[in-house]
Full PDB file with SEQRES, HELIX, SHEET, SSBOND, CRYST1, ORIGX, SCALE, CONECT and MASTER records, all heavy atoms in Angstrom:
SEQRES   1 A   35  GLU ALA SER GLY ILE VAL ILE GLN VAL LEU SER ARG LEU          
SEQRES   2 A   35  LEU ARG HIS PHE SER THR ASN TYR ILE PRO GLU ASN SER          
SEQRES   3 A   35  GLN GLN ASP ALA ALA THR ILE GLU ARG                          
HELIX    1 AA1 ALA A    2  HIS A   16  1                                  15    
HELIX    2 AA2 SER A   26  GLU A   34  1                                   9    
CRYST1    1.000    1.000    1.000  90.00  90.00  90.00 P 1           1          
ORIGX1      1.000000  0.000000  0.000000        0.00000                         
ORIGX2      0.000000  1.000000  0.000000        0.00000                         
ORIGX3      0.000000  0.000000  1.000000        0.00000                         
SCALE1      1.000000  0.000000  0.000000        0.00000                         
SCALE2      0.000000  1.000000  0.000000        0.00000                         
SCALE3      0.000000  0.000000  1.000000        0.00000                         
ATOM      1  N   GLU A   1      56.208 179.914-201.981  1.00  0.00           N  
ATOM      2  CA  GLU A   1      55.258 180.499-202.963  1.00  0.00           C  
ATOM      3  C   GLU A   1      55.955 181.097-204.077  1.00  0.00           C  
ATOM      4  O   GLU A   1      55.578 180.956-205.298  1.00  0.00           O  
ATOM      5  CB  GLU A   1      54.337 181.505-202.261  1.00  0.00           C  
ATOM      6  CG  GLU A   1      53.367 181.024-201.216  1.00  0.00           C  
ATOM      7  CD  GLU A   1      52.550 182.076-200.612  1.00  0.00           C  
ATOM      8  OE1 GLU A   1      51.513 182.458-201.327  1.00  0.00           O  
ATOM      9  OE2 GLU A   1      52.758 182.466-199.420  1.00  0.00           O  
ATOM     10  N   ALA A   2      57.104 181.732-203.793  1.00  0.00           N  
ATOM     11  CA  ALA A   2      57.890 182.420-204.928  1.00  0.00           C  
ATOM     12  C   ALA A   2      58.437 181.388-205.777  1.00  0.00           C  
ATOM     13  O   ALA A   2      58.390 181.613-207.056  1.00  0.00           O  
ATOM     14  CB  ALA A   2      58.983 183.280-204.281  1.00  0.00           C  
ATOM     15  N   SER A   3      58.949 180.290-205.287  1.00  0.00           N  
ATOM     16  CA  SER A   3      59.479 179.200-206.152  1.00  0.00           C  
ATOM     17  C   SER A   3      58.429 178.650-207.060  1.00  0.00           C  
ATOM     18  O   SER A   3      58.647 178.345-208.289  1.00  0.00           O  
ATOM     19  CB  SER A   3      60.122 178.144-205.224  1.00  0.00           C  
ATOM     20  OG  SER A   3      61.235 178.552-204.555  1.00  0.00           O  
ATOM     21  N   GLY A   4      57.136 178.497-206.460  1.00  0.00           N  
ATOM     22  CA  GLY A   4      56.029 178.046-207.286  1.00  0.00           C  
ATOM     23  C   GLY A   4      55.703 178.960-208.445  1.00  0.00           C  
ATOM     24  O   GLY A   4      55.565 178.414-209.600  1.00  0.00           O  
ATOM     25  N   ILE A   5      55.787 180.217-208.252  1.00  0.00           N  
ATOM     26  CA  ILE A   5      55.559 181.198-209.310  1.00  0.00           C  
ATOM     27  C   ILE A   5      56.594 181.069-210.405  1.00  0.00           C  
ATOM     28  O   ILE A   5      56.323 181.071-211.614  1.00  0.00           O  
ATOM     29  CB  ILE A   5      55.453 182.559-208.731  1.00  0.00           C  
ATOM     30  CG1 ILE A   5      54.184 182.777-207.909  1.00  0.00           C  
ATOM     31  CG2 ILE A   5      55.416 183.631-209.878  1.00  0.00           C  
ATOM     32  CD1 ILE A   5      54.022 184.106-207.177  1.00  0.00           C  
ATOM     33  N   VAL A   6      57.845 181.004-209.935  1.00  0.00           N  
ATOM     34  CA  VAL A   6      59.007 180.913-210.871  1.00  0.00           C  
ATOM     35  C   VAL A   6      58.898 179.644-211.814  1.00  0.00           C  
ATOM     36  O   VAL A   6      59.151 179.661-212.966  1.00  0.00           O  
ATOM     37  CB  VAL A   6      60.357 180.966-210.138  1.00  0.00           C  
ATOM     38  CG1 VAL A   6      61.435 180.737-211.160  1.00  0.00           C  
ATOM     39  CG2 VAL A   6      60.501 182.381-209.526  1.00  0.00           C  
ATOM     40  N   ILE A   7      58.469 178.573-211.169  1.00  0.00           N  
ATOM     41  CA  ILE A   7      58.321 177.330-211.860  1.00  0.00           C  
ATOM     42  C   ILE A   7      57.150 177.469-212.940  1.00  0.00           C  
ATOM     43  O   ILE A   7      57.284 176.988-214.078  1.00  0.00           O  
ATOM     44  CB  ILE A   7      58.029 176.160-210.966  1.00  0.00           C  
ATOM     45  CG1 ILE A   7      59.316 175.831-210.078  1.00  0.00           C  
ATOM     46  CG2 ILE A   7      57.497 174.944-211.762  1.00  0.00           C  
ATOM     47  CD1 ILE A   7      59.093 174.883-208.919  1.00  0.00           C  
ATOM     48  N   GLN A   8      56.150 178.164-212.606  1.00  0.00           N  
ATOM     49  CA  GLN A   8      55.053 178.473-213.649  1.00  0.00           C  
ATOM     50  C   GLN A   8      55.661 179.304-214.728  1.00  0.00           C  
ATOM     51  O   GLN A   8      55.308 179.032-215.894  1.00  0.00           O  
ATOM     52  CB  GLN A   8      53.886 179.202-212.879  1.00  0.00           C  
ATOM     53  CG  GLN A   8      53.167 178.330-211.961  1.00  0.00           C  
ATOM     54  CD  GLN A   8      51.961 179.213-211.433  1.00  0.00           C  
ATOM     55  OE1 GLN A   8      51.040 179.475-212.213  1.00  0.00           O  
ATOM     56  NE2 GLN A   8      51.973 179.376-210.127  1.00  0.00           N  
ATOM     57  N   VAL A   9      56.443 180.274-214.459  1.00  0.00           N  
ATOM     58  CA  VAL A   9      56.980 181.093-215.445  1.00  0.00           C  
ATOM     59  C   VAL A   9      57.877 180.292-216.357  1.00  0.00           C  
ATOM     60  O   VAL A   9      57.849 180.396-217.545  1.00  0.00           O  
ATOM     61  CB  VAL A   9      57.920 182.283-214.790  1.00  0.00           C  
ATOM     62  CG1 VAL A   9      58.723 182.954-215.858  1.00  0.00           C  
ATOM     63  CG2 VAL A   9      56.970 183.332-214.122  1.00  0.00           C  
ATOM     64  N   LEU A  10      58.756 179.409-215.746  1.00  0.00           N  
ATOM     65  CA  LEU A  10      59.697 178.537-216.538  1.00  0.00           C  
ATOM     66  C   LEU A  10      58.814 177.599-217.429  1.00  0.00           C  
ATOM     67  O   LEU A  10      59.256 177.455-218.533  1.00  0.00           O  
ATOM     68  CB  LEU A  10      60.610 177.738-215.607  1.00  0.00           C  
ATOM     69  CG  LEU A  10      61.469 176.775-216.297  1.00  0.00           C  
ATOM     70  CD1 LEU A  10      62.473 177.487-217.241  1.00  0.00           C  
ATOM     71  CD2 LEU A  10      62.257 176.032-215.170  1.00  0.00           C  
ATOM     72  N   SER A  11      57.806 177.067-216.952  1.00  0.00           N  
ATOM     73  CA  SER A  11      57.044 176.190-217.716  1.00  0.00           C  
ATOM     74  C   SER A  11      56.417 176.854-218.959  1.00  0.00           C  
ATOM     75  O   SER A  11      56.411 176.292-220.106  1.00  0.00           O  
ATOM     76  CB  SER A  11      55.930 175.498-216.946  1.00  0.00           C  
ATOM     77  OG  SER A  11      54.946 176.428-216.575  1.00  0.00           O  
ATOM     78  N   ARG A  12      55.960 178.115-218.806  1.00  0.00           N  
ATOM     79  CA  ARG A  12      55.444 178.822-219.907  1.00  0.00           C  
ATOM     80  C   ARG A  12      56.499 179.222-220.863  1.00  0.00           C  
ATOM     81  O   ARG A  12      56.345 179.229-222.125  1.00  0.00           O  
ATOM     82  CB  ARG A  12      54.775 180.124-219.404  1.00  0.00           C  
ATOM     83  CG  ARG A  12      53.371 179.800-218.792  1.00  0.00           C  
ATOM     84  CD  ARG A  12      52.808 180.979-218.045  1.00  0.00           C  
ATOM     85  NE  ARG A  12      51.389 180.815-217.626  1.00  0.00           N  
ATOM     86  CZ  ARG A  12      51.024 179.959-216.656  1.00  0.00           C  
ATOM     87  NH1 ARG A  12      51.922 179.332-215.951  1.00  0.00           N  
ATOM     88  NH2 ARG A  12      49.729 179.865-216.232  1.00  0.00           N  
ATOM     89  N   LEU A  13      57.668 179.532-220.434  1.00  0.00           N  
ATOM     90  CA  LEU A  13      58.821 179.924-221.269  1.00  0.00           C  
ATOM     91  C   LEU A  13      59.212 178.651-222.083  1.00  0.00           C  
ATOM     92  O   LEU A  13      59.399 178.703-223.331  1.00  0.00           O  
ATOM     93  CB  LEU A  13      59.977 180.321-220.477  1.00  0.00           C  
ATOM     94  CG  LEU A  13      59.865 181.770-219.838  1.00  0.00           C  
ATOM     95  CD1 LEU A  13      61.007 181.955-218.846  1.00  0.00           C  
ATOM     96  CD2 LEU A  13      59.926 182.833-220.816  1.00  0.00           C  
ATOM     97  N   LEU A  14      59.298 177.555-221.473  1.00  0.00           N  
ATOM     98  CA  LEU A  14      59.642 176.271-222.184  1.00  0.00           C  
ATOM     99  C   LEU A  14      58.594 175.891-223.155  1.00  0.00           C  
ATOM    100  O   LEU A  14      58.875 175.422-224.260  1.00  0.00           O  
ATOM    101  CB  LEU A  14      59.871 175.154-221.264  1.00  0.00           C  
ATOM    102  CG  LEU A  14      61.104 175.272-220.369  1.00  0.00           C  
ATOM    103  CD1 LEU A  14      61.160 174.193-219.245  1.00  0.00           C  
ATOM    104  CD2 LEU A  14      62.374 175.133-221.169  1.00  0.00           C  
ATOM    105  N   ARG A  15      57.341 176.110-222.920  1.00  0.00           N  
ATOM    106  CA  ARG A  15      56.228 175.679-223.745  1.00  0.00           C  
ATOM    107  C   ARG A  15      56.046 176.616-224.933  1.00  0.00           C  
ATOM    108  O   ARG A  15      55.839 176.178-226.058  1.00  0.00           O  
ATOM    109  CB  ARG A  15      54.888 175.605-222.995  1.00  0.00           C  
ATOM    110  CG  ARG A  15      53.785 175.096-223.744  1.00  0.00           C  
ATOM    111  CD  ARG A  15      52.381 175.070-222.946  1.00  0.00           C  
ATOM    112  NE  ARG A  15      52.604 174.477-221.630  1.00  0.00           N  
ATOM    113  CZ  ARG A  15      52.374 174.980-220.424  1.00  0.00           C  
ATOM    114  NH1 ARG A  15      51.807 176.172-220.488  1.00  0.00           N  
ATOM    115  NH2 ARG A  15      52.461 174.330-219.318  1.00  0.00           N  
ATOM    116  N   HIS A  16      56.181 177.978-224.707  1.00  0.00           N  
ATOM    117  CA  HIS A  16      55.892 178.945-225.735  1.00  0.00           C  
ATOM    118  C   HIS A  16      57.086 179.698-226.355  1.00  0.00           C  
ATOM    119  O   HIS A  16      56.949 180.306-227.379  1.00  0.00           O  
ATOM    120  CB  HIS A  16      54.921 179.933-225.169  1.00  0.00           C  
ATOM    121  CG  HIS A  16      53.599 179.277-224.741  1.00  0.00           C  
ATOM    122  ND1 HIS A  16      52.829 178.701-225.523  1.00  0.00           N  
ATOM    123  CD2 HIS A  16      53.076 179.173-223.415  1.00  0.00           C  
ATOM    124  CE1 HIS A  16      51.654 178.216-224.790  1.00  0.00           C  
ATOM    125  NE2 HIS A  16      51.944 178.537-223.525  1.00  0.00           N  
ATOM    126  N   PHE A  17      58.248 179.681-225.674  1.00  0.00           N  
ATOM    127  CA  PHE A  17      59.363 180.486-226.055  1.00  0.00           C  
ATOM    128  C   PHE A  17      60.654 179.676-226.244  1.00  0.00           C  
ATOM    129  O   PHE A  17      61.780 180.342-226.228  1.00  0.00           O  
ATOM    130  CB  PHE A  17      59.562 181.695-225.124  1.00  0.00           C  
ATOM    131  CG  PHE A  17      58.398 182.603-225.025  1.00  0.00           C  
ATOM    132  CD1 PHE A  17      57.397 182.385-224.083  1.00  0.00           C  
ATOM    133  CD2 PHE A  17      58.140 183.629-225.961  1.00  0.00           C  
ATOM    134  CE1 PHE A  17      56.294 183.165-224.071  1.00  0.00           C  
ATOM    135  CE2 PHE A  17      57.085 184.451-225.871  1.00  0.00           C  
ATOM    136  CZ  PHE A  17      56.095 184.257-224.926  1.00  0.00           C  
ATOM    137  N   SER A  18      60.621 178.406-226.373  1.00  0.00           N  
ATOM    138  CA  SER A  18      61.851 177.662-226.487  1.00  0.00           C  
ATOM    139  C   SER A  18      61.914 176.928-227.798  1.00  0.00           C  
ATOM    140  O   SER A  18      60.889 176.685-228.515  1.00  0.00           O  
ATOM    141  CB  SER A  18      61.932 176.641-225.304  1.00  0.00           C  
ATOM    142  OG  SER A  18      61.007 175.599-225.447  1.00  0.00           O  
ATOM    143  N   THR A  19      63.151 176.631-228.178  1.00  0.00           N  
ATOM    144  CA  THR A  19      63.341 175.764-229.381  1.00  0.00           C  
ATOM    145  C   THR A  19      64.182 174.492-228.947  1.00  0.00           C  
ATOM    146  O   THR A  19      64.914 174.561-227.950  1.00  0.00           O  
ATOM    147  CB  THR A  19      64.168 176.487-230.416  1.00  0.00           C  
ATOM    148  OG1 THR A  19      65.375 176.969-229.769  1.00  0.00           O  
ATOM    149  CG2 THR A  19      63.277 177.724-230.951  1.00  0.00           C  
ATOM    150  N   ASN A  20      64.082 173.491-229.751  1.00  0.00           N  
ATOM    151  CA  ASN A  20      64.856 172.232-229.465  1.00  0.00           C  
ATOM    152  C   ASN A  20      66.265 172.589-229.698  1.00  0.00           C  
ATOM    153  O   ASN A  20      66.744 173.238-230.588  1.00  0.00           O  
ATOM    154  CB  ASN A  20      64.410 171.151-230.377  1.00  0.00           C  
ATOM    155  CG  ASN A  20      63.049 170.582-230.006  1.00  0.00           C  
ATOM    156  OD1 ASN A  20      62.712 170.591-228.856  1.00  0.00           O  
ATOM    157  ND2 ASN A  20      62.285 170.133-230.973  1.00  0.00           N  
ATOM    158  N   TYR A  21      67.121 171.937-228.832  1.00  0.00           N  
ATOM    159  CA  TYR A  21      68.568 172.131-228.934  1.00  0.00           C  
ATOM    160  C   TYR A  21      69.239 170.777-228.733  1.00  0.00           C  
ATOM    161  O   TYR A  21      68.905 170.076-227.856  1.00  0.00           O  
ATOM    162  CB  TYR A  21      69.031 173.099-227.836  1.00  0.00           C  
ATOM    163  CG  TYR A  21      70.358 173.160-227.531  1.00  0.00           C  
ATOM    164  CD1 TYR A  21      71.291 173.904-228.467  1.00  0.00           C  
ATOM    165  CD2 TYR A  21      71.024 172.573-226.496  1.00  0.00           C  
ATOM    166  CE1 TYR A  21      72.637 173.975-228.233  1.00  0.00           C  
ATOM    167  CE2 TYR A  21      72.482 172.608-226.276  1.00  0.00           C  
ATOM    168  CZ  TYR A  21      73.210 173.368-227.171  1.00  0.00           C  
ATOM    169  OH  TYR A  21      74.563 173.512-226.928  1.00  0.00           O  
ATOM    170  N   ILE A  22      70.184 170.470-229.657  1.00  0.00           N  
ATOM    171  CA  ILE A  22      70.892 169.198-229.533  1.00  0.00           C  
ATOM    172  C   ILE A  22      72.282 169.573-228.903  1.00  0.00           C  
ATOM    173  O   ILE A  22      73.162 170.071-229.554  1.00  0.00           O  
ATOM    174  CB  ILE A  22      71.140 168.552-230.849  1.00  0.00           C  
ATOM    175  CG1 ILE A  22      69.745 168.246-231.583  1.00  0.00           C  
ATOM    176  CG2 ILE A  22      71.882 167.264-230.734  1.00  0.00           C  
ATOM    177  CD1 ILE A  22      69.843 167.767-232.953  1.00  0.00           C  
ATOM    178  N   PRO A  23      72.362 169.264-227.589  1.00  0.00           N  
ATOM    179  CA  PRO A  23      73.636 169.593-226.905  1.00  0.00           C  
ATOM    180  C   PRO A  23      74.800 168.706-227.337  1.00  0.00           C  
ATOM    181  O   PRO A  23      74.585 167.544-227.756  1.00  0.00           O  
ATOM    182  CB  PRO A  23      73.315 169.390-225.475  1.00  0.00           C  
ATOM    183  CG  PRO A  23      72.226 168.390-225.448  1.00  0.00           C  
ATOM    184  CD  PRO A  23      71.483 168.505-226.763  1.00  0.00           C  
ATOM    185  N   GLU A  24      76.018 169.382-227.196  1.00  0.00           N  
ATOM    186  CA  GLU A  24      77.248 168.447-227.356  1.00  0.00           C  
ATOM    187  C   GLU A  24      77.332 167.572-226.153  1.00  0.00           C  
ATOM    188  O   GLU A  24      76.595 167.717-225.090  1.00  0.00           O  
ATOM    189  CB  GLU A  24      78.436 169.330-227.509  1.00  0.00           C  
ATOM    190  CG  GLU A  24      78.271 170.229-228.623  1.00  0.00           C  
ATOM    191  CD  GLU A  24      79.515 171.296-228.711  1.00  0.00           C  
ATOM    192  OE1 GLU A  24      80.358 171.170-227.935  1.00  0.00           O  
ATOM    193  OE2 GLU A  24      79.378 172.218-229.563  1.00  0.00           O  
ATOM    194  N   ASN A  25      78.202 166.594-226.180  1.00  0.00           N  
ATOM    195  CA  ASN A  25      78.402 165.793-224.966  1.00  0.00           C  
ATOM    196  C   ASN A  25      78.855 166.617-223.850  1.00  0.00           C  
ATOM    197  O   ASN A  25      79.428 167.673-224.003  1.00  0.00           O  
ATOM    198  CB  ASN A  25      79.213 164.558-225.205  1.00  0.00           C  
ATOM    199  CG  ASN A  25      80.767 164.957-225.533  1.00  0.00           C  
ATOM    200  OD1 ASN A  25      81.363 165.625-224.681  1.00  0.00           O  
ATOM    201  ND2 ASN A  25      81.272 164.565-226.661  1.00  0.00           N  
ATOM    202  N   SER A  26      78.690 166.158-222.620  1.00  0.00           N  
ATOM    203  CA  SER A  26      78.940 166.941-221.409  1.00  0.00           C  
ATOM    204  C   SER A  26      80.380 167.346-221.284  1.00  0.00           C  
ATOM    205  O   SER A  26      80.776 168.367-220.846  1.00  0.00           O  
ATOM    206  CB  SER A  26      78.590 166.114-220.210  1.00  0.00           C  
ATOM    207  OG  SER A  26      79.172 164.837-220.055  1.00  0.00           O  
ATOM    208  N   GLN A  27      81.312 166.488-221.775  1.00  0.00           N  
ATOM    209  CA  GLN A  27      82.681 166.772-221.708  1.00  0.00           C  
ATOM    210  C   GLN A  27      83.082 167.899-222.645  1.00  0.00           C  
ATOM    211  O   GLN A  27      83.806 168.818-222.252  1.00  0.00           O  
ATOM    212  CB  GLN A  27      83.551 165.570-222.018  1.00  0.00           C  
ATOM    213  CG  GLN A  27      83.556 164.470-220.994  1.00  0.00           C  
ATOM    214  CD  GLN A  27      84.514 163.388-221.410  1.00  0.00           C  
ATOM    215  OE1 GLN A  27      84.844 163.162-222.554  1.00  0.00           O  
ATOM    216  NE2 GLN A  27      84.973 162.595-220.444  1.00  0.00           N  
ATOM    217  N   GLN A  28      82.508 167.952-223.801  1.00  0.00           N  
ATOM    218  CA  GLN A  28      82.664 169.136-224.684  1.00  0.00           C  
ATOM    219  C   GLN A  28      82.137 170.398-224.188  1.00  0.00           C  
ATOM    220  O   GLN A  28      82.635 171.479-224.301  1.00  0.00           O  
ATOM    221  CB  GLN A  28      82.091 168.784-226.111  1.00  0.00           C  
ATOM    222  CG  GLN A  28      82.824 167.767-226.836  1.00  0.00           C  
ATOM    223  CD  GLN A  28      82.137 167.360-228.183  1.00  0.00           C  
ATOM    224  OE1 GLN A  28      80.904 167.310-228.238  1.00  0.00           O  
ATOM    225  NE2 GLN A  28      82.893 167.171-229.178  1.00  0.00           N  
ATOM    226  N   ASP A  29      80.871 170.414-223.537  1.00  0.00           N  
ATOM    227  CA  ASP A  29      80.211 171.548-222.905  1.00  0.00           C  
ATOM    228  C   ASP A  29      81.127 171.990-221.823  1.00  0.00           C  
ATOM    229  O   ASP A  29      81.254 173.240-221.818  1.00  0.00           O  
ATOM    230  CB  ASP A  29      78.838 171.117-222.394  1.00  0.00           C  
ATOM    231  CG  ASP A  29      77.839 170.966-223.391  1.00  0.00           C  
ATOM    232  OD1 ASP A  29      78.014 171.431-224.570  1.00  0.00           O  
ATOM    233  OD2 ASP A  29      76.882 170.363-223.214  1.00  0.00           O  
ATOM    234  N   ALA A  30      81.578 171.132-220.990  1.00  0.00           N  
ATOM    235  CA  ALA A  30      82.519 171.602-219.923  1.00  0.00           C  
ATOM    236  C   ALA A  30      83.807 172.329-220.411  1.00  0.00           C  
ATOM    237  O   ALA A  30      84.194 173.254-219.861  1.00  0.00           O  
ATOM    238  CB  ALA A  30      82.806 170.474-219.000  1.00  0.00           C  
ATOM    239  N   ALA A  31      84.392 171.666-221.448  1.00  0.00           N  
ATOM    240  CA  ALA A  31      85.585 172.267-222.004  1.00  0.00           C  
ATOM    241  C   ALA A  31      85.261 173.657-222.646  1.00  0.00           C  
ATOM    242  O   ALA A  31      86.123 174.505-222.539  1.00  0.00           O  
ATOM    243  CB  ALA A  31      86.115 171.291-223.135  1.00  0.00           C  
ATOM    244  N   THR A  32      84.140 173.752-223.274  1.00  0.00           N  
ATOM    245  CA  THR A  32      83.765 175.054-223.834  1.00  0.00           C  
ATOM    246  C   THR A  32      83.656 176.187-222.844  1.00  0.00           C  
ATOM    247  O   THR A  32      84.199 177.261-222.956  1.00  0.00           O  
ATOM    248  CB  THR A  32      82.440 175.032-224.649  1.00  0.00           C  
ATOM    249  OG1 THR A  32      82.614 174.102-225.782  1.00  0.00           O  
ATOM    250  CG2 THR A  32      81.916 176.311-225.199  1.00  0.00           C  
ATOM    251  N   ILE A  33      82.938 175.874-221.739  1.00  0.00           N  
ATOM    252  CA  ILE A  33      82.749 176.796-220.706  1.00  0.00           C  
ATOM    253  C   ILE A  33      84.128 177.179-220.137  1.00  0.00           C  
ATOM    254  O   ILE A  33      84.384 178.306-219.760  1.00  0.00           O  
ATOM    255  CB  ILE A  33      81.797 176.185-219.556  1.00  0.00           C  
ATOM    256  CG1 ILE A  33      80.345 176.129-220.252  1.00  0.00           C  
ATOM    257  CG2 ILE A  33      81.771 177.150-218.313  1.00  0.00           C  
ATOM    258  CD1 ILE A  33      79.397 175.474-219.240  1.00  0.00           C  
ATOM    259  N   GLU A  34      84.968 176.254-219.895  1.00  0.00           N  
ATOM    260  CA  GLU A  34      86.290 176.427-219.329  1.00  0.00           C  
ATOM    261  C   GLU A  34      87.104 177.355-220.199  1.00  0.00           C  
ATOM    262  O   GLU A  34      87.757 178.241-219.637  1.00  0.00           O  
ATOM    263  CB  GLU A  34      87.012 175.121-219.019  1.00  0.00           C  
ATOM    264  CG  GLU A  34      88.315 175.303-218.171  1.00  0.00           C  
ATOM    265  CD  GLU A  34      88.123 176.011-216.887  1.00  0.00           C  
ATOM    266  OE1 GLU A  34      87.054 175.799-216.243  1.00  0.00           O  
ATOM    267  OE2 GLU A  34      89.014 176.818-216.506  1.00  0.00           O  
ATOM    268  N   ARG A  35      87.025 177.105-221.550  1.00  0.00           N  
ATOM    269  CA  ARG A  35      87.768 177.894-222.387  1.00  0.00           C  
ATOM    270  C   ARG A  35      87.340 179.354-222.308  1.00  0.00           C  
ATOM    271  O   ARG A  35      88.032 180.341-222.341  1.00  0.00           O  
ATOM    272  CB  ARG A  35      87.586 177.376-223.825  1.00  0.00           C  
ATOM    273  CG  ARG A  35      88.558 176.235-224.141  1.00  0.00           C  
ATOM    274  CD  ARG A  35      88.342 175.737-225.613  1.00  0.00           C  
ATOM    275  NE  ARG A  35      89.468 174.970-226.050  1.00  0.00           N  
ATOM    276  CZ  ARG A  35      89.537 174.383-227.281  1.00  0.00           C  
ATOM    277  NH1 ARG A  35      88.549 174.742-228.189  1.00  0.00           N  
ATOM    278  NH2 ARG A  35      90.512 173.733-227.745  1.00  0.00           N  
TER     279      ARG A  35                                                      
MASTER        0    0    0    2    0    0    0    6  278    1    0    3          
END                                                                             
């Protein structure tokens, strides 16, 4: 039940409080995090 509620929260956050983001390729993302 808790996971279901969190998924509802996430869906509302994505629908009303998110912006589009163009990610770098996965290798660049991994390198950034490691740095």
